[in-house]
All heavy atoms as atom14 arrays in JSON, in Angstrom:
{
  "sequence": "NEVMDDPTPRKVAQRFGLDLEMCSETVYDVVIVGGGPGGVAAAVYAGA",
  "atom14_mask": [
    [1, 1, 1, 1, 1, 1, 1, 1, 0, 0, 0, 0, 0, 0],
    [1, 1, 1, 1, 1, 1, 1, 1, 1, 0, 0, 0, 0, 0],
    [1, 1, 1, 1, 1, 1, 1, 0, 0, 0, 0, 0, 0, 0],
    [1, 1, 1, 1, 1, 1, 1, 1, 0, 0, 0, 0, 0, 0],
    [1, 1, 1, 1, 1, 1, 1, 1, 0, 0, 0, 0, 0, 0],
    [1, 1, 1, 1, 1, 1, 1, 1, 0, 0, 0, 0, 0, 0],
    [1, 1, 1, 1, 1, 1, 1, 0, 0, 0, 0, 0, 0, 0],
    [1, 1, 1, 1, 1, 1, 1, 0, 0, 0, 0, 0, 0, 0],
    [1, 1, 1, 1, 1, 1, 1, 0, 0, 0, 0, 0, 0, 0],
    [1, 1, 1, 1, 1, 1, 1, 1, 1, 1, 1, 0, 0, 0],
    [1, 1, 1, 1, 1, 1, 1, 1, 1, 0, 0, 0, 0, 0],
    [1, 1, 1, 1, 1, 1, 1, 0, 0, 0, 0, 0, 0, 0],
    [1, 1, 1, 1, 1, 0, 0, 0, 0, 0, 0, 0, 0, 0],
    [1, 1, 1, 1, 1, 1, 1, 1, 1, 0, 0, 0, 0, 0],
    [1, 1, 1, 1, 1, 1, 1, 1, 1, 1, 1, 0, 0, 0],
    [1, 1, 1, 1, 1, 1, 1, 1, 1, 1, 1, 0, 0, 0],
    [1, 1, 1, 1, 0, 0, 0, 0, 0, 0, 0, 0, 0, 0],
    [1, 1, 1, 1, 1, 1, 1, 1, 0, 0, 0, 0, 0, 0],
    [1, 1, 1, 1, 1, 1, 1, 1, 0, 0, 0, 0, 0, 0],
    [1, 1, 1, 1, 1, 1, 1, 1, 0, 0, 0, 0, 0, 0],
    [1, 1, 1, 1, 1, 1, 1, 1, 1, 0, 0, 0, 0, 0],
    [1, 1, 1, 1, 1, 1, 1, 1, 0, 0, 0, 0, 0, 0],
    [1, 1, 1, 1, 1, 1, 0, 0, 0, 0, 0, 0, 0, 0],
    [1, 1, 1, 1, 1, 1, 0, 0, 0, 0, 0, 0, 0, 0],
    [1, 1, 1, 1, 1, 1, 1, 1, 1, 0, 0, 0, 0, 0],
    [1, 1, 1, 1, 1, 1, 1, 0, 0, 0, 0, 0, 0, 0],
    [1, 1, 1, 1, 1, 1, 1, 0, 0, 0, 0, 0, 0, 0],
    [1, 1, 1, 1, 1, 1, 1, 1, 1, 1, 1, 1, 0, 0],
    [1, 1, 1, 1, 1, 1, 1, 1, 0, 0, 0, 0, 0, 0],
    [1, 1, 1, 1, 1, 1, 1, 0, 0, 0, 0, 0, 0, 0],
    [1, 1, 1, 1, 1, 1, 1, 0, 0, 0, 0, 0, 0, 0],
    [1, 1, 1, 1, 1, 1, 1, 1, 0, 0, 0, 0, 0, 0],
    [1, 1, 1, 1, 1, 1, 1, 0, 0, 0, 0, 0, 0, 0],
    [1, 1, 1, 1, 0, 0, 0, 0, 0, 0, 0, 0, 0, 0],
    [1, 1, 1, 1, 0, 0, 0, 0, 0, 0, 0, 0, 0, 0],
    [1, 1, 1, 1, 0, 0, 0, 0, 0, 0, 0, 0, 0, 0],
    [1, 1, 1, 1, 1, 1, 1, 0, 0, 0, 0, 0, 0, 0],
    [1, 1, 1, 1, 0, 0, 0, 0, 0, 0, 0, 0, 0, 0],
    [1, 1, 1, 1, 0, 0, 0, 0, 0, 0, 0, 0, 0, 0],
    [1, 1, 1, 1, 1, 1, 1, 0, 0, 0, 0, 0, 0, 0],
    [1, 1, 1, 1, 1, 0, 0, 0, 0, 0, 0, 0, 0, 0],
    [1, 1, 1, 1, 1, 0, 0, 0, 0, 0, 0, 0, 0, 0],
    [1, 1, 1, 1, 1, 0, 0, 0, 0, 0, 0, 0, 0, 0],
    [1, 1, 1, 1, 1, 1, 1, 0, 0, 0, 0, 0, 0, 0],
    [1, 1, 1, 1, 1, 1, 1, 1, 1, 1, 1, 1, 0, 0],
    [1, 1, 1, 1, 1, 0, 0, 0, 0, 0, 0, 0, 0, 0],
    [1, 1, 1, 1, 0, 0, 0, 0, 0, 0, 0, 0, 0, 0],
    [1, 1, 1, 1, 1, 0, 0, 0, 0, 0, 0, 0, 0, 0]
  ],
  "atom14_positions": [
    [[-19.74, 2.34, -2.78], [-19.49, 1.07, -2.08], [-18.46, 0.18, -2.75], [-18.38, -1.01, -2.45], [-20.8, 0.29, -1.94], [-21.52, 0.14, -3.26], [-20.91, 0.27, -4.32], [-22.82, -0.13, -3.21], [0.0, 0.0, 0.0], [0.0, 0.0, 0.0], [0.0, 0.0, 0.0], [0.0, 0.0, 0.0], [0.0, 0.0, 0.0], [0.0, 0.0, 0.0]],
    [[-17.67, 0.7, -3.66], [-16.63, -0.11, -4.3], [-15.38, -0.1, -3.43], [-14.64, 0.88, -3.39], [-16.29, 0.46, -5.69], [-15.18, -0.31, -6.4], [-14.72, 0.37, -7.67], [-15.51, 1.14, -8.27], [-13.56, 0.15, -8.09], [0.0, 0.0, 0.0], [0.0, 0.0, 0.0], [0.0, 0.0, 0.0], [0.0, 0.0, 0.0], [0.0, 0.0, 0.0]],
    [[-15.16, -1.19, -2.71], [-14.01, -1.32, -1.82], [-12.87, -1.97, -2.6], [-13.01, -3.08, -3.11], [-14.35, -2.15, -0.58], [-13.13, -2.26, 0.33], [-15.51, -1.51, 0.17], [0.0, 0.0, 0.0], [0.0, 0.0, 0.0], [0.0, 0.0, 0.0], [0.0, 0.0, 0.0], [0.0, 0.0, 0.0], [0.0, 0.0, 0.0], [0.0, 0.0, 0.0]],
    [[-11.74, -1.3, -2.69], [-10.61, -1.8, -3.47], [-9.84, -2.85, -2.66], [-9.41, -2.59, -1.53], [-9.69, -0.63, -3.84], [-8.53, -1.01, -4.73], [-7.61, 0.45, -5.32], [-8.78, 1.12, -6.51], [0.0, 0.0, 0.0], [0.0, 0.0, 0.0], [0.0, 0.0, 0.0], [0.0, 0.0, 0.0], [0.0, 0.0, 0.0], [0.0, 0.0, 0.0]],
    [[-9.68, -4.02, -3.24], [-8.91, -5.08, -2.6], [-7.42, -4.77, -2.67], [-6.9, -4.35, -3.71], [-9.17, -6.43, -3.28], [-10.61, -6.9, -3.12], [-11.21, -6.57, -2.08], [-11.12, -7.57, -4.03], [0.0, 0.0, 0.0], [0.0, 0.0, 0.0], [0.0, 0.0, 0.0], [0.0, 0.0, 0.0], [0.0, 0.0, 0.0], [0.0, 0.0, 0.0]],
    [[-6.72, -4.98, -1.56], [-5.27, -4.78, -1.5], [-4.87, -3.48, -2.22], [-4.18, -3.5, -3.25], [-4.53, -5.96, -2.12], [-4.83, -7.27, -1.41], [-4.91, -7.25, -0.17], [-4.99, -8.29, -2.1], [0.0, 0.0, 0.0], [0.0, 0.0, 0.0], [0.0, 0.0, 0.0], [0.0, 0.0, 0.0], [0.0, 0.0, 0.0], [0.0, 0.0, 0.0]],
    [[-5.29, -2.33, -1.72], [-5.07, -1.07, -2.43], [-3.59, -0.73, -2.6], [-2.79, -0.93, -1.69], [-5.77, -0.03, -1.54], [-5.78, -0.65, -0.17], [-5.95, -2.12, -0.42], [0.0, 0.0, 0.0], [0.0, 0.0, 0.0], [0.0, 0.0, 0.0], [0.0, 0.0, 0.0], [0.0, 0.0, 0.0], [0.0, 0.0, 0.0], [0.0, 0.0, 0.0]],
    [[-3.26, -0.25, -3.78], [-1.91, 0.23, -4.09], [-2.04, 1.48, -4.95], [-3.07, 1.69, -5.61], [-1.09, -0.81, -4.87], [-1.7, -1.01, -6.16], [-1.0, -2.13, -4.12], [0.0, 0.0, 0.0], [0.0, 0.0, 0.0], [0.0, 0.0, 0.0], [0.0, 0.0, 0.0], [0.0, 0.0, 0.0], [0.0, 0.0, 0.0], [0.0, 0.0, 0.0]],
    [[-1.0, 2.33, -5.0], [-1.03, 3.48, -5.9], [-1.28, 3.08, -7.34], [-2.0, 3.77, -8.08], [0.36, 4.11, -5.71], [0.73, 3.75, -4.31], [0.19, 2.36, -4.12], [0.0, 0.0, 0.0], [0.0, 0.0, 0.0], [0.0, 0.0, 0.0], [0.0, 0.0, 0.0], [0.0, 0.0, 0.0], [0.0, 0.0, 0.0], [0.0, 0.0, 0.0]],
    [[-0.7, 1.96, -7.77], [-0.86, 1.51, -9.16], [-2.33, 1.2, -9.47], [-2.85, 1.57, -10.53], [0.01, 0.28, -9.39], [-0.12, -0.33, -10.79], [0.62, 0.51, -11.83], [0.39, 0.0, -13.16], [1.03, -1.06, -13.68], [1.94, -1.7, -12.97], [0.78, -1.44, -14.91], [0.0, 0.0, 0.0], [0.0, 0.0, 0.0], [0.0, 0.0, 0.0]],
    [[-3.02, 0.54, -8.55], [-4.42, 0.2, -8.78], [-5.28, 1.46, -8.87], [-6.17, 1.54, -9.71], [-4.93, -0.72, -7.67], [-4.41, -2.15, -7.73], [-5.03, -3.0, -6.64], [-4.56, -4.45, -6.73], [-5.16, -5.29, -5.67], [0.0, 0.0, 0.0], [0.0, 0.0, 0.0], [0.0, 0.0, 0.0], [0.0, 0.0, 0.0], [0.0, 0.0, 0.0]],
    [[-5.02, 2.41, -8.0], [-5.77, 3.67, -8.05], [-5.47, 4.41, -9.35], [-6.37, 4.96, -9.99], [-5.42, 4.55, -6.83], [-6.1, 5.92, -6.95], [-5.86, 3.87, -5.54], [0.0, 0.0, 0.0], [0.0, 0.0, 0.0], [0.0, 0.0, 0.0], [0.0, 0.0, 0.0], [0.0, 0.0, 0.0], [0.0, 0.0, 0.0], [0.0, 0.0, 0.0]],
    [[-4.21, 4.41, -9.76], [-3.83, 5.07, -11.0], [-4.54, 4.44, -12.19], [-5.02, 5.13, -13.09], [-2.31, 5.0, -11.19], [0.0, 0.0, 0.0], [0.0, 0.0, 0.0], [0.0, 0.0, 0.0], [0.0, 0.0, 0.0], [0.0, 0.0, 0.0], [0.0, 0.0, 0.0], [0.0, 0.0, 0.0], [0.0, 0.0, 0.0], [0.0, 0.0, 0.0]],
    [[-4.59, 3.11, -12.22], [-5.27, 2.42, -13.3], [-6.76, 2.74, -13.32], [-7.37, 2.91, -14.37], [-5.06, 0.91, -13.17], [-3.64, 0.46, -13.48], [-3.44, -1.03, -13.2], [-3.98, -1.57, -12.24], [-2.66, -1.68, -14.04], [0.0, 0.0, 0.0], [0.0, 0.0, 0.0], [0.0, 0.0, 0.0], [0.0, 0.0, 0.0], [0.0, 0.0, 0.0]],
    [[-7.35, 2.84, -12.13], [-8.79, 3.12, -12.03], [-9.16, 4.48, -12.61], [-10.25, 4.66, -13.14], [-9.19, 3.04, -10.55], [-10.69, 3.19, -10.28], [-11.47, 2.0, -10.79], [-12.87, 2.06, -10.39], [-13.79, 2.82, -10.98], [-13.44, 3.58, -12.0], [-15.04, 2.81, -10.57], [0.0, 0.0, 0.0], [0.0, 0.0, 0.0], [0.0, 0.0, 0.0]],
    [[-8.22, 5.43, -12.51], [-8.53, 6.78, -12.96], [-7.69, 7.24, -14.16], [-7.56, 8.43, -14.43], [-8.38, 7.77, -11.8], [-9.47, 7.62, -10.78], [-9.24, 6.89, -9.62], [-10.73, 8.14, -10.99], [-10.26, 6.71, -8.69], [-11.74, 7.97, -10.07], [-11.51, 7.25, -8.92], [0.0, 0.0, 0.0], [0.0, 0.0, 0.0], [0.0, 0.0, 0.0]],
    [[-7.15, 6.28, -14.9], [-6.51, 6.59, -16.17], [-5.18, 7.3, -16.07], [-4.73, 7.92, -17.04], [0.0, 0.0, 0.0], [0.0, 0.0, 0.0], [0.0, 0.0, 0.0], [0.0, 0.0, 0.0], [0.0, 0.0, 0.0], [0.0, 0.0, 0.0], [0.0, 0.0, 0.0], [0.0, 0.0, 0.0], [0.0, 0.0, 0.0], [0.0, 0.0, 0.0]],
    [[-4.51, 7.24, -14.9], [-3.21, 7.88, -14.75], [-2.09, 6.98, -15.26], [-1.05, 7.46, -15.69], [-2.97, 8.23, -13.28], [-3.98, 9.19, -12.66], [-3.78, 9.27, -11.17], [-3.86, 10.56, -13.3], [0.0, 0.0, 0.0], [0.0, 0.0, 0.0], [0.0, 0.0, 0.0], [0.0, 0.0, 0.0], [0.0, 0.0, 0.0], [0.0, 0.0, 0.0]],
    [[-2.3, 5.69, -15.18], [-1.33, 4.72, -15.66], [-1.65, 4.46, -17.13], [-2.5, 3.64, -17.45], [-1.43, 3.44, -14.84], [-0.5, 2.36, -15.33], [0.49, 2.7, -15.99], [-0.78, 1.18, -15.07], [0.0, 0.0, 0.0], [0.0, 0.0, 0.0], [0.0, 0.0, 0.0], [0.0, 0.0, 0.0], [0.0, 0.0, 0.0], [0.0, 0.0, 0.0]],
    [[-0.99, 5.17, -18.02], [-1.36, 5.16, -19.42], [-1.22, 3.77, -20.03], [-0.29, 3.03, -19.73], [-0.46, 6.12, -20.21], [-0.6, 7.61, -19.87], [0.34, 8.41, -20.75], [-2.02, 8.07, -20.07], [0.0, 0.0, 0.0], [0.0, 0.0, 0.0], [0.0, 0.0, 0.0], [0.0, 0.0, 0.0], [0.0, 0.0, 0.0], [0.0, 0.0, 0.0]],
    [[-2.15, 3.44, -20.88], [-2.02, 2.21, -21.67], [-1.02, 2.49, -22.79], [-1.24, 3.35, -23.64], [-3.37, 1.81, -22.25], [-4.38, 1.39, -21.2], [-5.68, 0.93, -21.82], [-5.75, 0.88, -23.07], [-6.62, 0.62, -21.07], [0.0, 0.0, 0.0], [0.0, 0.0, 0.0], [0.0, 0.0, 0.0], [0.0, 0.0, 0.0], [0.0, 0.0, 0.0]],
    [[0.09, 1.78, -22.75], [1.14, 2.02, -23.73], [0.82, 1.34, -25.06], [0.33, 0.22, -25.08], [2.49, 1.5, -23.22], [2.84, 1.97, -21.82], [3.1, 3.74, -21.75], [3.52, 3.92, -20.02], [0.0, 0.0, 0.0], [0.0, 0.0, 0.0], [0.0, 0.0, 0.0], [0.0, 0.0, 0.0], [0.0, 0.0, 0.0], [0.0, 0.0, 0.0]],
    [[1.13, 2.01, -26.11], [1.01, 1.41, -27.44], [2.37, 0.87, -27.82], [3.33, 1.63, -28.0], [0.53, 2.44, -28.46], [0.44, 1.78, -30.14], [0.0, 0.0, 0.0], [0.0, 0.0, 0.0], [0.0, 0.0, 0.0], [0.0, 0.0, 0.0], [0.0, 0.0, 0.0], [0.0, 0.0, 0.0], [0.0, 0.0, 0.0], [0.0, 0.0, 0.0]],
    [[2.48, -0.44, -27.94], [3.78, -1.06, -28.2], [4.34, -0.67, -29.56], [5.54, -0.8, -29.8], [3.66, -2.59, -28.1], [2.71, -3.08, -29.04], [0.0, 0.0, 0.0], [0.0, 0.0, 0.0], [0.0, 0.0, 0.0], [0.0, 0.0, 0.0], [0.0, 0.0, 0.0], [0.0, 0.0, 0.0], [0.0, 0.0, 0.0], [0.0, 0.0, 0.0]],
    [[3.49, -0.19, -30.46], [3.97, 0.18, -31.79], [4.46, 1.62, -31.86], [5.08, 2.01, -32.84], [2.84, -0.04, -32.81], [2.41, -1.5, -32.92], [1.29, -1.68, -33.94], [0.87, -0.68, -34.55], [0.84, -2.82, -34.11], [0.0, 0.0, 0.0], [0.0, 0.0, 0.0], [0.0, 0.0, 0.0], [0.0, 0.0, 0.0], [0.0, 0.0, 0.0]],
    [[4.18, 2.41, -30.83], [4.62, 3.81, -30.82], [6.11, 3.89, -30.52], [6.61, 3.27, -29.59], [3.85, 4.6, -29.75], [2.46, 4.6, -30.07], [4.35, 6.04, -29.67], [0.0, 0.0, 0.0], [0.0, 0.0, 0.0], [0.0, 0.0, 0.0], [0.0, 0.0, 0.0], [0.0, 0.0, 0.0], [0.0, 0.0, 0.0], [0.0, 0.0, 0.0]],
    [[6.84, 4.65, -31.34], [8.24, 4.95, -31.06], [8.3, 6.44, -30.73], [8.12, 7.3, -31.6], [9.16, 4.62, -32.25], [10.59, 5.05, -31.94], [9.11, 3.13, -32.56], [0.0, 0.0, 0.0], [0.0, 0.0, 0.0], [0.0, 0.0, 0.0], [0.0, 0.0, 0.0], [0.0, 0.0, 0.0], [0.0, 0.0, 0.0], [0.0, 0.0, 0.0]],
    [[8.53, 6.75, -29.47], [8.61, 8.14, -29.05], [9.93, 8.75, -29.51], [10.92, 8.04, -29.73], [8.5, 8.23, -27.53], [7.15, 7.83, -26.98], [6.89, 6.51, -26.61], [6.13, 8.76, -26.84], [5.65, 6.14, -26.1], [4.88, 8.4, -26.34], [4.65, 7.09, -25.98], [3.43, 6.71, -25.5], [0.0, 0.0, 0.0], [0.0, 0.0, 0.0]],
    [[9.94, 10.06, -29.62], [11.21, 10.73, -29.88], [12.09, 10.68, -28.65], [13.31, 10.5, -28.75], [10.96, 12.2, -30.28], [10.32, 12.31, -31.65], [10.67, 11.51, -32.54], [9.46, 13.2, -31.83], [0.0, 0.0, 0.0], [0.0, 0.0, 0.0], [0.0, 0.0, 0.0], [0.0, 0.0, 0.0], [0.0, 0.0, 0.0], [0.0, 0.0, 0.0]],
    [[11.47, 10.85, -27.48], [12.24, 10.82, -26.24], [11.38, 10.26, -25.11], [10.2, 10.6, -24.99], [12.76, 12.24, -25.86], [11.61, 13.24, -25.74], [13.57, 12.21, -24.58], [0.0, 0.0, 0.0], [0.0, 0.0, 0.0], [0.0, 0.0, 0.0], [0.0, 0.0, 0.0], [0.0, 0.0, 0.0], [0.0, 0.0, 0.0], [0.0, 0.0, 0.0]],
    [[11.97, 9.37, -24.33], [11.36, 8.92, -23.08], [12.19, 9.51, -21.95], [13.41, 9.34, -21.89], [11.33, 7.38, -22.98], [11.06, 6.95, -21.54], [10.26, 6.82, -23.89], [0.0, 0.0, 0.0], [0.0, 0.0, 0.0], [0.0, 0.0, 0.0], [0.0, 0.0, 0.0], [0.0, 0.0, 0.0], [0.0, 0.0, 0.0], [0.0, 0.0, 0.0]],
    [[11.52, 10.23, -21.07], [12.16, 10.85, -19.92], [11.87, 9.99, -18.71], [10.7, 9.74, -18.38], [11.63, 12.28, -19.71], [11.85, 13.12, -20.96], [12.27, 12.94, -18.49], [10.96, 14.35, -21.04], [0.0, 0.0, 0.0], [0.0, 0.0, 0.0], [0.0, 0.0, 0.0], [0.0, 0.0, 0.0], [0.0, 0.0, 0.0], [0.0, 0.0, 0.0]],
    [[12.89, 9.51, -18.06], [12.73, 8.62, -16.91], [12.96, 9.42, -15.64], [14.09, 9.79, -15.33], [13.7, 7.43, -16.99], [13.41, 6.45, -15.85], [13.6, 6.73, -18.33], [0.0, 0.0, 0.0], [0.0, 0.0, 0.0], [0.0, 0.0, 0.0], [0.0, 0.0, 0.0], [0.0, 0.0, 0.0], [0.0, 0.0, 0.0], [0.0, 0.0, 0.0]],
    [[11.88, 9.7, -14.92], [11.98, 10.47, -13.69], [11.2, 11.76, -13.78], [11.34, 12.51, -14.75], [0.0, 0.0, 0.0], [0.0, 0.0, 0.0], [0.0, 0.0, 0.0], [0.0, 0.0, 0.0], [0.0, 0.0, 0.0], [0.0, 0.0, 0.0], [0.0, 0.0, 0.0], [0.0, 0.0, 0.0], [0.0, 0.0, 0.0], [0.0, 0.0, 0.0]],
    [[10.37, 12.02, -12.75], [9.49, 13.18, -12.79], [9.82, 14.24, -11.77], [8.92, 14.94, -11.28], [0.0, 0.0, 0.0], [0.0, 0.0, 0.0], [0.0, 0.0, 0.0], [0.0, 0.0, 0.0], [0.0, 0.0, 0.0], [0.0, 0.0, 0.0], [0.0, 0.0, 0.0], [0.0, 0.0, 0.0], [0.0, 0.0, 0.0], [0.0, 0.0, 0.0]],
    [[11.11, 14.41, -11.45], [11.51, 15.51, -10.59], [11.6, 16.81, -11.39], [11.17, 16.88, -12.54], [0.0, 0.0, 0.0], [0.0, 0.0, 0.0], [0.0, 0.0, 0.0], [0.0, 0.0, 0.0], [0.0, 0.0, 0.0], [0.0, 0.0, 0.0], [0.0, 0.0, 0.0], [0.0, 0.0, 0.0], [0.0, 0.0, 0.0], [0.0, 0.0, 0.0]],
    [[12.15, 17.87, -10.81], [12.23, 19.16, -11.51], [12.95, 19.07, -12.86], [12.5, 19.66, -13.84], [13.02, 20.04, -10.53], [12.76, 19.44, -9.19], [12.67, 17.96, -9.43], [0.0, 0.0, 0.0], [0.0, 0.0, 0.0], [0.0, 0.0, 0.0], [0.0, 0.0, 0.0], [0.0, 0.0, 0.0], [0.0, 0.0, 0.0], [0.0, 0.0, 0.0]],
    [[14.05, 18.32, -12.92], [14.77, 18.18, -14.18], [13.97, 17.45, -15.23], [13.89, 17.87, -16.4], [0.0, 0.0, 0.0], [0.0, 0.0, 0.0], [0.0, 0.0, 0.0], [0.0, 0.0, 0.0], [0.0, 0.0, 0.0], [0.0, 0.0, 0.0], [0.0, 0.0, 0.0], [0.0, 0.0, 0.0], [0.0, 0.0, 0.0], [0.0, 0.0, 0.0]],
    [[13.35, 16.34, -14.83], [12.56, 15.57, -15.78], [11.37, 16.33, -16.3], [11.05, 16.3, -17.49], [0.0, 0.0, 0.0], [0.0, 0.0, 0.0], [0.0, 0.0, 0.0], [0.0, 0.0, 0.0], [0.0, 0.0, 0.0], [0.0, 0.0, 0.0], [0.0, 0.0, 0.0], [0.0, 0.0, 0.0], [0.0, 0.0, 0.0], [0.0, 0.0, 0.0]],
    [[10.67, 17.05, -15.41], [9.51, 17.82, -15.85], [9.92, 18.98, -16.73], [9.24, 19.31, -17.71], [8.69, 18.29, -14.63], [7.58, 19.24, -15.05], [8.09, 17.09, -13.91], [0.0, 0.0, 0.0], [0.0, 0.0, 0.0], [0.0, 0.0, 0.0], [0.0, 0.0, 0.0], [0.0, 0.0, 0.0], [0.0, 0.0, 0.0], [0.0, 0.0, 0.0]],
    [[11.05, 19.63, -16.42], [11.55, 20.69, -17.3], [11.85, 20.14, -18.69], [11.52, 20.77, -19.71], [12.8, 21.33, -16.7], [0.0, 0.0, 0.0], [0.0, 0.0, 0.0], [0.0, 0.0, 0.0], [0.0, 0.0, 0.0], [0.0, 0.0, 0.0], [0.0, 0.0, 0.0], [0.0, 0.0, 0.0], [0.0, 0.0, 0.0], [0.0, 0.0, 0.0]],
    [[12.47, 18.97, -18.75], [12.73, 18.33, -20.04], [11.42, 18.02, -20.76], [11.32, 18.17, -21.99], [13.55, 17.05, -19.84], [0.0, 0.0, 0.0], [0.0, 0.0, 0.0], [0.0, 0.0, 0.0], [0.0, 0.0, 0.0], [0.0, 0.0, 0.0], [0.0, 0.0, 0.0], [0.0, 0.0, 0.0], [0.0, 0.0, 0.0], [0.0, 0.0, 0.0]],
    [[10.41, 17.61, -20.0], [9.1, 17.32, -20.6], [8.47, 18.56, -21.2], [7.85, 18.51, -22.27], [8.17, 16.72, -19.54], [0.0, 0.0, 0.0], [0.0, 0.0, 0.0], [0.0, 0.0, 0.0], [0.0, 0.0, 0.0], [0.0, 0.0, 0.0], [0.0, 0.0, 0.0], [0.0, 0.0, 0.0], [0.0, 0.0, 0.0], [0.0, 0.0, 0.0]],
    [[8.61, 19.71, -20.53], [8.07, 20.97, -21.05], [8.75, 21.33, -22.36], [8.09, 21.63, -23.37], [8.26, 22.1, -20.02], [7.92, 23.45, -20.65], [7.4, 21.87, -18.79], [0.0, 0.0, 0.0], [0.0, 0.0, 0.0], [0.0, 0.0, 0.0], [0.0, 0.0, 0.0], [0.0, 0.0, 0.0], [0.0, 0.0, 0.0], [0.0, 0.0, 0.0]],
    [[10.07, 21.31, -22.36], [10.81, 21.74, -23.55], [10.71, 20.73, -24.69], [10.74, 21.11, -25.86], [12.27, 22.04, -23.19], [12.4, 23.38, -22.52], [12.2, 23.53, -21.15], [12.71, 24.53, -23.26], [12.3, 24.77, -20.54], [12.81, 25.77, -22.65], [12.6, 25.89, -21.3], [12.69, 27.13, -20.7], [0.0, 0.0, 0.0], [0.0, 0.0, 0.0]],
    [[10.59, 19.45, -24.36], [10.4, 18.45, -25.41], [9.09, 18.7, -26.14], [9.02, 18.68, -27.38], [10.42, 17.05, -24.82], [0.0, 0.0, 0.0], [0.0, 0.0, 0.0], [0.0, 0.0, 0.0], [0.0, 0.0, 0.0], [0.0, 0.0, 0.0], [0.0, 0.0, 0.0], [0.0, 0.0, 0.0], [0.0, 0.0, 0.0], [0.0, 0.0, 0.0]],
    [[8.02, 18.93, -25.36], [6.73, 19.22, -25.98], [6.76, 20.51, -26.77], [6.21, 20.59, -27.88], [0.0, 0.0, 0.0], [0.0, 0.0, 0.0], [0.0, 0.0, 0.0], [0.0, 0.0, 0.0], [0.0, 0.0, 0.0], [0.0, 0.0, 0.0], [0.0, 0.0, 0.0], [0.0, 0.0, 0.0], [0.0, 0.0, 0.0], [0.0, 0.0, 0.0]],
    [[7.41, 21.54, -26.21], [7.47, 22.83, -26.89], [8.22, 22.74, -28.21], [7.93, 23.49, -29.16], [8.12, 23.87, -25.98], [0.0, 0.0, 0.0], [0.0, 0.0, 0.0], [0.0, 0.0, 0.0], [0.0, 0.0, 0.0], [0.0, 0.0, 0.0], [0.0, 0.0, 0.0], [0.0, 0.0, 0.0], [0.0, 0.0, 0.0], [0.0, 0.0, 0.0]]
  ]
}
C-alpha cells in the first residue's frame, strides 16, 4: 500500500538502491559518462 507521490524514475531508483550514494571523498580513476554500448564496454575493460 505504499503509493509513491509524483513518481519519477529517480525516486524509484533511490527506493531500490540504483541511484548510488556518492562519496564526495572518493577520487575514481575514471568516470564514464553515458551507458550505451561504448560506455558499457569501457566499464568492462576499466574494471578488468
